Amino acid sequence: MALGCTAEIYALGKALGVAFSYDDPVEYVTAFGKRMPDARPSMLLDHHAGRVSEIDALNGMAVVLGTRLKIATPYNETLTAIIRAKEAHFTH
């Protein structure tokens, strides 16, 4: 899921003219993650605390941009829908 989201966001960035410092987003993100094997993503920490995450500003924005640019973002759409459904049950 994470690597699919990464590839979609990379495609969006390329379509918008972003000059990435790498050519393979999956390789880049995989290597980055290996440097921090015990890291806890902020959205995971938010969910453990029962807080709403920044899903709309991150993966949700990829969906918005994908729609605007006519680039499919099924991984980001799915992840955003799952997280929003889970967060709908938070009591904050």
PDB file of N, CA and C in Angstrom:
ATOM      1  N   MET A   1       0.837  -1.192   0.000  1.00  0.00           N
ATOM      2  CA  MET A   1       0.000   0.000   0.000  1.00  0.00           C
ATOM      3  C   MET A   1       0.878   1.250   0.000  1.00  0.00           C
ATOM      4  N   ALA A   2       1.856   1.284   0.910  1.00  0.00           N
ATOM      5  CA  ALA A   2       2.721   2.469   1.013  1.00  0.00           C
ATOM      6  C   ALA A   2       3.493   2.703  -0.279  1.00  0.00           C
ATOM      7  N   LEU A   3       3.997   1.634  -0.874  1.00  0.00           N
ATOM      8  CA  LEU A   3       4.769   1.799  -2.107  1.00  0.00           C
ATOM      9  C   LEU A   3       3.873   2.209  -3.272  1.00  0.00           C
ATOM     10  N   GLY A   4       2.635   1.731  -3.291  1.00  0.00           N
ATOM     11  CA  GLY A   4       1.686   2.167  -4.313  1.00  0.00           C
ATOM     12  C   GLY A   4       1.364   3.645  -4.172  1.00  0.00           C
ATOM     13  N   CYS A   5       1.152   4.089  -2.940  1.00  0.00           N
ATOM     14  CA  CYS A   5       0.901   5.519  -2.689  1.00  0.00           C
ATOM     15  C   CYS A   5       2.102   6.346  -3.129  1.00  0.00           C
ATOM     16  N   THR A   6       3.288   5.844  -2.819  1.00  0.00           N
ATOM     17  CA  THR A   6       4.521   6.542  -3.192  1.00  0.00           C
ATOM     18  C   THR A   6       4.625   6.718  -4.702  1.00  0.00           C
ATOM     19  N   ALA A   7       4.382   5.657  -5.439  1.00  0.00           N
ATOM     20  CA  ALA A   7       4.475   5.726  -6.903  1.00  0.00           C
ATOM     21  C   ALA A   7       3.458   6.709  -7.471  1.00  0.00           C
ATOM     22  N   GLU A   8       2.257   6.698  -6.925  1.00  0.00           N
ATOM     23  CA  GLU A   8       1.226   7.634  -7.402  1.00  0.00           C
ATOM     24  C   GLU A   8       1.620   9.076  -7.132  1.00  0.00           C
ATOM     25  N   ILE A   9       2.114   9.348  -5.950  1.00  0.00           N
ATOM     26  CA  ILE A   9       2.487  10.719  -5.591  1.00  0.00           C
ATOM     27  C   ILE A   9       3.677  11.187  -6.426  1.00  0.00           C
ATOM     28  N   TYR A  10       4.605  10.289  -6.702  1.00  0.00           N
ATOM     29  CA  TYR A  10       5.731  10.615  -7.575  1.00  0.00           C
ATOM     30  C   TYR A  10       5.221  11.000  -8.963  1.00  0.00           C
ATOM     31  N   ALA A  11       4.279  10.223  -9.505  1.00  0.00           N
ATOM     32  CA  ALA A  11       3.708  10.523 -10.822  1.00  0.00           C
ATOM     33  C   ALA A  11       3.023  11.889 -10.822  1.00  0.00           C
ATOM     34  N   LEU A  12       2.331  12.204  -9.734  1.00  0.00           N
ATOM     35  CA  LEU A  12       1.689  13.518  -9.628  1.00  0.00           C
ATOM     36  C   LEU A  12       2.736  14.624  -9.622  1.00  0.00           C
ATOM     37  N   GLY A  13       3.782  14.438  -8.834  1.00  0.00           N
ATOM     38  CA  GLY A  13       4.848  15.433  -8.783  1.00  0.00           C
ATOM     39  C   GLY A  13       5.490  15.647 -10.138  1.00  0.00           C
ATOM     40  N   LYS A  14       5.771  14.550 -10.838  1.00  0.00           N
ATOM     41  CA  LYS A  14       6.372  14.670 -12.176  1.00  0.00           C
ATOM     42  C   LYS A  14       5.430  15.441 -13.109  1.00  0.00           C
ATOM     43  N   ALA A  15       4.145  15.154 -13.040  1.00  0.00           N
ATOM     44  CA  ALA A  15       3.169  15.846 -13.893  1.00  0.00           C
ATOM     45  C   ALA A  15       3.113  17.337 -13.577  1.00  0.00           C
ATOM     46  N   LEU A  16       3.415  17.685 -12.326  1.00  0.00           N
ATOM     47  CA  LEU A  16       3.404  19.089 -11.917  1.00  0.00           C
ATOM     48  C   LEU A  16       4.759  19.765 -12.111  1.00  0.00           C
ATOM     49  N   GLY A  17       5.736  19.021 -12.618  1.00  0.00           N
ATOM     50  CA  GLY A  17       7.049  19.600 -12.893  1.00  0.00           C
ATOM     51  C   GLY A  17       8.015  19.597 -11.725  1.00  0.00           C
ATOM     52  N   VAL A  18       7.745  18.793 -10.711  1.00  0.00           N
ATOM     53  CA  VAL A  18       8.657  18.706  -9.569  1.00  0.00           C
ATOM     54  C   VAL A  18       9.944  18.033 -10.026  1.00  0.00           C
ATOM     55  N   ALA A  19      11.082  18.623  -9.678  1.00  0.00           N
ATOM     56  CA  ALA A  19      12.388  18.065 -10.026  1.00  0.00           C
ATOM     57  C   ALA A  19      12.880  17.223  -8.847  1.00  0.00           C
ATOM     58  N   PHE A  20      12.563  15.936  -8.858  1.00  0.00           N
ATOM     59  CA  PHE A  20      12.993  15.037  -7.796  1.00  0.00           C
ATOM     60  C   PHE A  20      14.485  14.760  -7.917  1.00  0.00           C
ATOM     61  N   SER A  21      15.118  14.454  -6.810  1.00  0.00           N
ATOM     62  CA  SER A  21      16.547  14.136  -6.812  1.00  0.00           C
ATOM     63  C   SER A  21      16.794  12.650  -7.049  1.00  0.00           C
ATOM     64  N   TYR A  22      15.768  11.909  -7.399  1.00  0.00           N
ATOM     65  CA  TYR A  22      15.857  10.469  -7.631  1.00  0.00           C
ATOM     66  C   TYR A  22      14.905  10.089  -8.760  1.00  0.00           C
ATOM     67  N   ASP A  23      15.163   8.933  -9.364  1.00  0.00           N
ATOM     68  CA  ASP A  23      14.328   8.471 -10.472  1.00  0.00           C
ATOM     69  C   ASP A  23      13.398   7.325 -10.091  1.00  0.00           C
ATOM     70  N   ASP A  24      13.707   6.643  -8.993  1.00  0.00           N
ATOM     71  CA  ASP A  24      12.909   5.487  -8.585  1.00  0.00           C
ATOM     72  C   ASP A  24      12.328   5.748  -7.201  1.00  0.00           C
ATOM     73  N   PRO A  25      11.054   6.159  -7.132  1.00  0.00           N
ATOM     74  CA  PRO A  25      10.476   6.513  -5.830  1.00  0.00           C
ATOM     75  C   PRO A  25      10.373   5.327  -4.874  1.00  0.00           C
ATOM     76  N   VAL A  26      10.126   4.136  -5.385  1.00  0.00           N
ATOM     77  CA  VAL A  26      10.013   2.956  -4.519  1.00  0.00           C
ATOM     78  C   VAL A  26      11.362   2.642  -3.890  1.00  0.00           C
ATOM     79  N   GLU A  27      12.412   2.674  -4.682  1.00  0.00           N
ATOM     80  CA  GLU A  27      13.770   2.448  -4.159  1.00  0.00           C
ATOM     81  C   GLU A  27      14.132   3.513  -3.122  1.00  0.00           C
ATOM     82  N   TYR A  28      13.809   4.762  -3.425  1.00  0.00           N
ATOM     83  CA  TYR A  28      14.125   5.870  -2.519  1.00  0.00           C
ATOM     84  C   TYR A  28      13.417   5.711  -1.169  1.00  0.00           C
ATOM     85  N   VAL A  29      12.131   5.453  -1.205  1.00  0.00           N
ATOM     86  CA  VAL A  29      11.355   5.340   0.032  1.00  0.00           C
ATOM     87  C   VAL A  29      11.751   4.085   0.819  1.00  0.00           C
ATOM     88  N   THR A  30      12.032   3.001   0.122  1.00  0.00           N
ATOM     89  CA  THR A  30      12.456   1.775   0.789  1.00  0.00           C
ATOM     90  C   THR A  30      13.785   1.996   1.513  1.00  0.00           C
ATOM     91  N   ALA A  31      14.741   2.626   0.852  1.00  0.00           N
ATOM     92  CA  ALA A  31      16.037   2.919   1.479  1.00  0.00           C
ATOM     93  C   ALA A  31      15.864   3.876   2.657  1.00  0.00           C
ATOM     94  N   PHE A  32      15.006   4.867   2.505  1.00  0.00           N
ATOM     95  CA  PHE A  32      14.741   5.830   3.578  1.00  0.00           C
ATOM     96  C   PHE A  32      14.180   5.112   4.805  1.00  0.00           C
ATOM     97  N   GLY A  33      13.230   4.231   4.591  1.00  0.00           N
ATOM     98  CA  GLY A  33      12.614   3.495   5.686  1.00  0.00           C
ATOM     99  C   GLY A  33      13.598   2.579   6.399  1.00  0.00           C
ATOM    100  N   LYS A  34      14.506   1.992   5.657  1.00  0.00           N
ATOM    101  CA  LYS A  34      15.501   1.097   6.261  1.00  0.00           C
ATOM    102  C   LYS A  34      16.457   1.834   7.191  1.00  0.00           C
ATOM    103  N   ARG A  35      16.628   3.125   6.964  1.00  0.00           N
ATOM    104  CA  ARG A  35      17.504   3.928   7.839  1.00  0.00           C
ATOM    105  C   ARG A  35      16.841   4.220   9.184  1.00  0.00           C
ATOM    106  N   MET A  36      15.537   3.986   9.282  1.00  0.00           N
ATOM    107  CA  MET A  36      14.791   4.265  10.517  1.00  0.00           C
ATOM    108  C   MET A  36      13.876   3.087  10.846  1.00  0.00           C
ATOM    109  N   PRO A  37      14.435   1.927  11.135  1.00  0.00           N
ATOM    110  CA  PRO A  37      13.606   0.723  11.300  1.00  0.00           C
ATOM    111  C   PRO A  37      12.622   0.773  12.472  1.00  0.00           C
ATOM    112  N   ASP A  38      12.886   1.586  13.473  1.00  0.00           N
ATOM    113  CA  ASP A  38      12.007   1.650  14.643  1.00  0.00           C
ATOM    114  C   ASP A  38      11.123   2.892  14.657  1.00  0.00           C
ATOM    115  N   ALA A  39      11.086   3.611  13.550  1.00  0.00           N
ATOM    116  CA  ALA A  39      10.288   4.846  13.489  1.00  0.00           C
ATOM    117  C   ALA A  39       8.804   4.533  13.598  1.00  0.00           C
ATOM    118  N   ARG A  40       8.074   5.435  14.208  1.00  0.00           N
ATOM    119  CA  ARG A  40       6.624   5.327  14.336  1.00  0.00           C
ATOM    120  C   ARG A  40       6.017   6.513  13.581  1.00  0.00           C
ATOM    121  N   PRO A  41       5.350   6.272  12.454  1.00  0.00           N
ATOM    122  CA  PRO A  41       4.759   7.366  11.685  1.00  0.00           C
ATOM    123  C   PRO A  41       3.769   8.177  12.529  1.00  0.00           C
ATOM    124  N   SER A  42       3.714   9.471  12.247  1.00  0.00           N
ATOM    125  CA  SER A  42       2.856  10.363  13.033  1.00  0.00           C
ATOM    126  C   SER A  42       1.384   9.951  12.960  1.00  0.00           C
ATOM    127  N   MET A  43       0.929   9.459  11.807  1.00  0.00           N
ATOM    128  CA  MET A  43      -0.474   9.045  11.713  1.00  0.00           C
ATOM    129  C   MET A  43      -0.751   7.831  12.594  1.00  0.00           C
ATOM    130  N   LEU A  44       0.201   6.927  12.728  1.00  0.00           N
ATOM    131  CA  LEU A  44       0.041   5.790  13.625  1.00  0.00           C
ATOM    132  C   LEU A  44      -0.049   6.272  15.076  1.00  0.00           C
ATOM    133  N   LEU A  45       0.805   7.203  15.437  1.00  0.00           N
ATOM    134  CA  LEU A  45       0.761   7.755  16.796  1.00  0.00           C
ATOM    135  C   LEU A  45      -0.571   8.463  17.049  1.00  0.00           C
ATOM    136  N   ASP A  46      -1.053   9.196  16.048  1.00  0.00           N
ATOM    137  CA  ASP A  46      -2.364   9.849  16.188  1.00  0.00           C
ATOM    138  C   ASP A  46      -3.455   8.814  16.452  1.00  0.00           C
ATOM    139  N   HIS A  47      -3.442   7.743  15.712  1.00  0.00           N
ATOM    140  CA  HIS A  47      -4.487   6.722  15.865  1.00  0.00           C
ATOM    141  C   HIS A  47      -4.400   6.027  17.215  1.00  0.00           C
ATOM    142  N   HIS A  48      -3.192   5.770  17.675  1.00  0.00           N
ATOM    143  CA  HIS A  48      -3.044   5.163  19.005  1.00  0.00           C
ATOM    144  C   HIS A  48      -3.597   6.080  20.085  1.00  0.00           C
ATOM    145  N   ALA A  49      -3.513   7.390  19.849  1.00  0.00           N
ATOM    146  CA  ALA A  49      -4.013   8.373  20.815  1.00  0.00           C
ATOM    147  C   ALA A  49      -5.479   8.742  20.557  1.00  0.00           C
ATOM    148  N   GLY A  50      -6.087   8.172  19.514  1.00  0.00           N
ATOM    149  CA  GLY A  50      -7.480   8.495  19.203  1.00  0.00           C
ATOM    150  C   GLY A  50      -7.662   9.861  18.579  1.00  0.00           C
ATOM    151  N   ARG A  51      -6.604  10.383  17.964  1.00  0.00           N
ATOM    152  CA  ARG A  51      -6.664  11.701  17.323  1.00  0.00           C
ATOM    153  C   ARG A  51      -6.837  11.557  15.816  1.00  0.00           C
ATOM    154  N   VAL A  52      -7.523  12.517  15.220  1.00  0.00           N
ATOM    155  CA  VAL A  52      -7.654  12.577  13.773  1.00  0.00           C
ATOM    156  C   VAL A  52      -6.283  12.938  13.192  1.00  0.00           C
ATOM    157  N   SER A  53      -5.908  12.256  12.123  1.00  0.00           N
ATOM    158  CA  SER A  53      -4.593  12.454  11.505  1.00  0.00           C
ATOM    159  C   SER A  53      -4.640  13.520  10.412  1.00  0.00           C
ATOM    160  N   GLU A  54      -3.510  13.664   9.759  1.00  0.00           N
ATOM    161  CA  GLU A  54      -3.389  14.623   8.656  1.00  0.00           C
ATOM    162  C   GLU A  54      -3.631  13.952   7.305  1.00  0.00           C
ATOM    163  N   ILE A  55      -4.418  12.895   7.287  1.00  0.00           N
ATOM    164  CA  ILE A  55      -4.662  12.129   6.058  1.00  0.00           C
ATOM    165  C   ILE A  55      -5.175  13.006   4.920  1.00  0.00           C
ATOM    166  N   ASP A  56      -6.041  13.970   5.203  1.00  0.00           N
ATOM    167  CA  ASP A  56      -6.596  14.812   4.137  1.00  0.00           C
ATOM    168  C   ASP A  56      -5.528  15.702   3.505  1.00  0.00           C
ATOM    169  N   ALA A  57      -4.572  16.164   4.300  1.00  0.00           N
ATOM    170  CA  ALA A  57      -3.514  17.037   3.783  1.00  0.00           C
ATOM    171  C   ALA A  57      -2.440  16.256   3.039  1.00  0.00           C
ATOM    172  N   LEU A  58      -2.350  14.969   3.284  1.00  0.00           N
ATOM    173  CA  LEU A  58      -1.316  14.157   2.644  1.00  0.00           C
ATOM    174  C   LEU A  58      -1.925  13.304   1.538  1.00  0.00           C
ATOM    175  N   ASN A  59      -2.375  12.123   1.860  1.00  0.00           N
ATOM    176  CA  ASN A  59      -2.911  11.212   0.854  1.00  0.00           C
ATOM    177  C   ASN A  59      -4.201  11.736   0.241  1.00  0.00           C
ATOM    178  N   GLY A  60      -5.006  12.423   1.033  1.00  0.00           N
ATOM    179  CA  GLY A  60      -6.237  13.003   0.493  1.00  0.00           C
ATOM    180  C   GLY A  60      -5.949  14.049  -0.568  1.00  0.00           C
ATOM    181  N   MET A  61      -4.887  14.819  -0.379  1.00  0.00           N
ATOM    182  CA  MET A  61      -4.519  15.825  -1.379  1.00  0.00           C
ATOM    183  C   MET A  61      -4.026  15.156  -2.660  1.00  0.00           C
ATOM    184  N   ALA A  62      -3.387  13.989  -2.537  1.00  0.00           N
ATOM    185  CA  ALA A  62      -2.980  13.251  -3.731  1.00  0.00           C
ATOM    186  C   ALA A  62      -4.213  12.882  -4.554  1.00  0.00           C
ATOM    187  N   VAL A  63      -5.289  12.522  -3.888  1.00  0.00           N
ATOM    188  CA  VAL A  63      -6.539  12.186  -4.582  1.00  0.00           C
ATOM    189  C   VAL A  63      -7.089  13.419  -5.296  1.00  0.00           C
ATOM    190  N   VAL A  64      -7.084  14.554  -4.611  1.00  0.00           N
ATOM    191  CA  VAL A  64      -7.566  15.807  -5.210  1.00  0.00           C
ATOM    192  C   VAL A  64      -6.738  16.148  -6.446  1.00  0.00           C
ATOM    193  N   LEU A  65      -5.417  16.089  -6.311  1.00  0.00           N
ATOM    194  CA  LEU A  65      -4.542  16.408  -7.448  1.00  0.00           C
ATOM    195  C   LEU A  65      -4.712  15.399  -8.581  1.00  0.00           C
ATOM    196  N   GLY A  66      -4.855  14.133  -8.225  1.00  0.00           N
ATOM    197  CA  GLY A  66      -5.064  13.111  -9.243  1.00  0.00           C
ATOM    198  C   GLY A  66      -6.318  13.374 -10.054  1.00  0.00           C
ATOM    199  N   THR A  67      -7.377  13.756  -9.375  1.00  0.00           N
ATOM    200  CA  THR A  67      -8.625  14.089 -10.072  1.00  0.00           C
ATOM    201  C   THR A  67      -8.408  15.283 -10.996  1.00  0.00           C
ATOM    202  N   ARG A  68      -7.756  16.289 -10.471  1.00  0.00           N
ATOM    203  CA  ARG A  68      -7.507  17.507 -11.254  1.00  0.00           C
ATOM    204  C   ARG A  68      -6.638  17.230 -12.487  1.00  0.00           C
ATOM    205  N   LEU A  69      -5.617  16.373 -12.300  1.00  0.00           N
ATOM    206  CA  LEU A  69      -4.670  16.090 -13.385  1.00  0.00           C
ATOM    207  C   LEU A  69      -5.066  14.881 -14.238  1.00  0.00           C
ATOM    208  N   LYS A  70      -6.185  14.244 -13.871  1.00  0.00           N
ATOM    209  CA  LYS A  70      -6.649  13.039 -14.563  1.00  0.00           C
ATOM    210  C   LYS A  70      -5.609  11.911 -14.495  1.00  0.00           C
ATOM    211  N   ILE A  71      -5.038  11.744 -13.296  1.00  0.00           N
ATOM    212  CA  ILE A  71      -4.090  10.670 -13.008  1.00  0.00           C
ATOM    213  C   ILE A  71      -4.730   9.787 -11.938  1.00  0.00           C
ATOM    214  N   ALA A  72      -4.844   8.508 -12.212  1.00  0.00           N
ATOM    215  CA  ALA A  72      -5.472   7.584 -11.260  1.00  0.00           C
ATOM    216  C   ALA A  72      -4.640   7.474  -9.985  1.00  0.00           C
ATOM    217  N   THR A  73      -5.341   7.484  -8.845  1.00  0.00           N
ATOM    218  CA  THR A  73      -4.678   7.352  -7.543  1.00  0.00           C
ATOM    219  C   THR A  73      -5.416   6.323  -6.678  1.00  0.00           C
ATOM    220  N   PRO A  74      -5.561   5.092  -7.162  1.00  0.00           N
ATOM    221  CA  PRO A  74      -6.349   4.114  -6.404  1.00  0.00           C
ATOM    222  C   PRO A  74      -5.763   3.757  -5.034  1.00  0.00           C
ATOM    223  N   TYR A  75      -4.454   3.735  -4.909  1.00  0.00           N
ATOM    224  CA  TYR A  75      -3.864   3.426  -3.603  1.00  0.00           C
ATOM    225  C   TYR A  75      -4.157   4.537  -2.608  1.00  0.00           C
ATOM    226  N   ASN A  76      -3.959   5.780  -3.017  1.00  0.00           N
ATOM    227  CA  ASN A  76      -4.226   6.907  -2.123  1.00  0.00           C
ATOM    228  C   ASN A  76      -5.707   7.042  -1.818  1.00  0.00           C
ATOM    229  N   GLU A  77      -6.563   6.756  -2.799  1.00  0.00           N
ATOM    230  CA  GLU A  77      -8.007   6.795  -2.566  1.00  0.00           C
ATOM    231  C   GLU A  77      -8.415   5.755  -1.530  1.00  0.00           C
ATOM    232  N   THR A  78      -7.897   4.551  -1.673  1.00  0.00           N
ATOM    233  CA  THR A  78      -8.241   3.471  -0.748  1.00  0.00           C
ATOM    234  C   THR A  78      -7.737   3.764   0.652  1.00  0.00           C
ATOM    235  N   LEU A  79      -6.486   4.155   0.762  1.00  0.00           N
ATOM    236  CA  LEU A  79      -5.918   4.458   2.079  1.00  0.00           C
ATOM    237  C   LEU A  79      -6.680   5.585   2.757  1.00  0.00           C
ATOM    238  N   THR A  80      -6.978   6.639   2.017  1.00  0.00           N
ATOM    239  CA  THR A  80      -7.709   7.775   2.579  1.00  0.00           C
ATOM    240  C   THR A  80      -9.092   7.343   3.064  1.00  0.00           C
ATOM    241  N   ALA A  81      -9.775   6.534   2.288  1.00  0.00           N
ATOM    242  CA  ALA A  81     -11.110   6.061   2.684  1.00  0.00           C
ATOM    243  C   ALA A  81     -11.037   5.205   3.953  1.00  0.00           C
ATOM    244  N   ILE A  82     -10.060   4.332   4.041  1.00  0.00           N
ATOM    245  CA  ILE A  82      -9.908   3.474   5.225  1.00  0.00           C
ATOM    246  C   ILE A  82      -9.632   4.314   6.466  1.00  0.00           C
ATOM    247  N   ILE A  83      -8.712   5.249   6.355  1.00  0.00           N
ATOM    248  CA  ILE A  83      -8.354   6.080   7.513  1.00  0.00           C
ATOM    249  C   ILE A  83      -9.523   6.967   7.917  1.00  0.00           C
ATOM    250  N   ARG A  84     -10.203   7.568   6.961  1.00  0.00           N
ATOM    251  CA  ARG A  84     -11.369   8.403   7.292  1.00  0.00           C
ATOM    252  C   ARG A  84     -12.444   7.581   8.008  1.00  0.00           C
ATOM    253  N   ALA A  85     -12.680   6.360   7.549  1.00  0.00           N
ATOM    254  CA  ALA A  85     -13.686   5.499   8.193  1.00  0.00           C
ATOM    255  C   ALA A  85     -13.282   5.180   9.626  1.00  0.00           C
ATOM    256  N   LYS A  86     -12.024   4.888   9.840  1.00  0.00           N
ATOM    257  CA  LYS A  86     -11.547   4.600  11.187  1.00  0.00           C
ATOM    258  C   LYS A  86     -11.667   5.843  12.069  1.00  0.00           C
ATOM    259  N   GLU A  87     -11.274   6.989  11.546  1.00  0.00           N
ATOM    260  CA  GLU A  87     -11.317   8.222  12.325  1.00  0.00           C
ATOM    261  C   GLU A  87     -12.743   8.674  12.634  1.00  0.00           C
ATOM    262  N   ALA A  88     -13.703   8.259  11.841  1.00  0.00           N
ATOM    263  CA  ALA A  88     -15.098   8.624  12.086  1.00  0.00           C
ATOM    264  C   ALA A  88     -15.574   8.073  13.434  1.00  0.00           C
ATOM    265  N   HIS A  89     -14.882   7.078  13.933  1.00  0.00           N
ATOM    266  CA  HIS A  89     -15.252   6.474  15.209  1.00  0.00           C
ATOM    267  C   HIS A  89     -14.515   7.069  16.412  1.00  0.00           C
ATOM    268  N   PHE A  90     -13.601   7.997  16.152  1.00  0.00           N
ATOM    269  CA  PHE A  90     -12.911   8.659  17.259  1.00  0.00           C
ATOM    270  C   PHE A  90     -13.893   9.581  17.958  1.00  0.00           C
ATOM    271  N   THR A  91     -13.757   9.745  19.228  1.00  0.00           N
ATOM    272  CA  THR A  91     -14.731  10.517  20.019  1.00  0.00           C
ATOM    273  C   THR A  91     -14.329  11.967  20.234  1.00  0.00           C
ATOM    274  N   HIS A  92     -13.381  12.471  19.484  1.00  0.00           N
ATOM    275  CA  HIS A  92     -12.923  13.858  19.687  1.00  0.00           C
ATOM    276  C   HIS A  92     -13.733  14.800  18.851  1.00  0.00           C
TER     277      HIS A  92
END
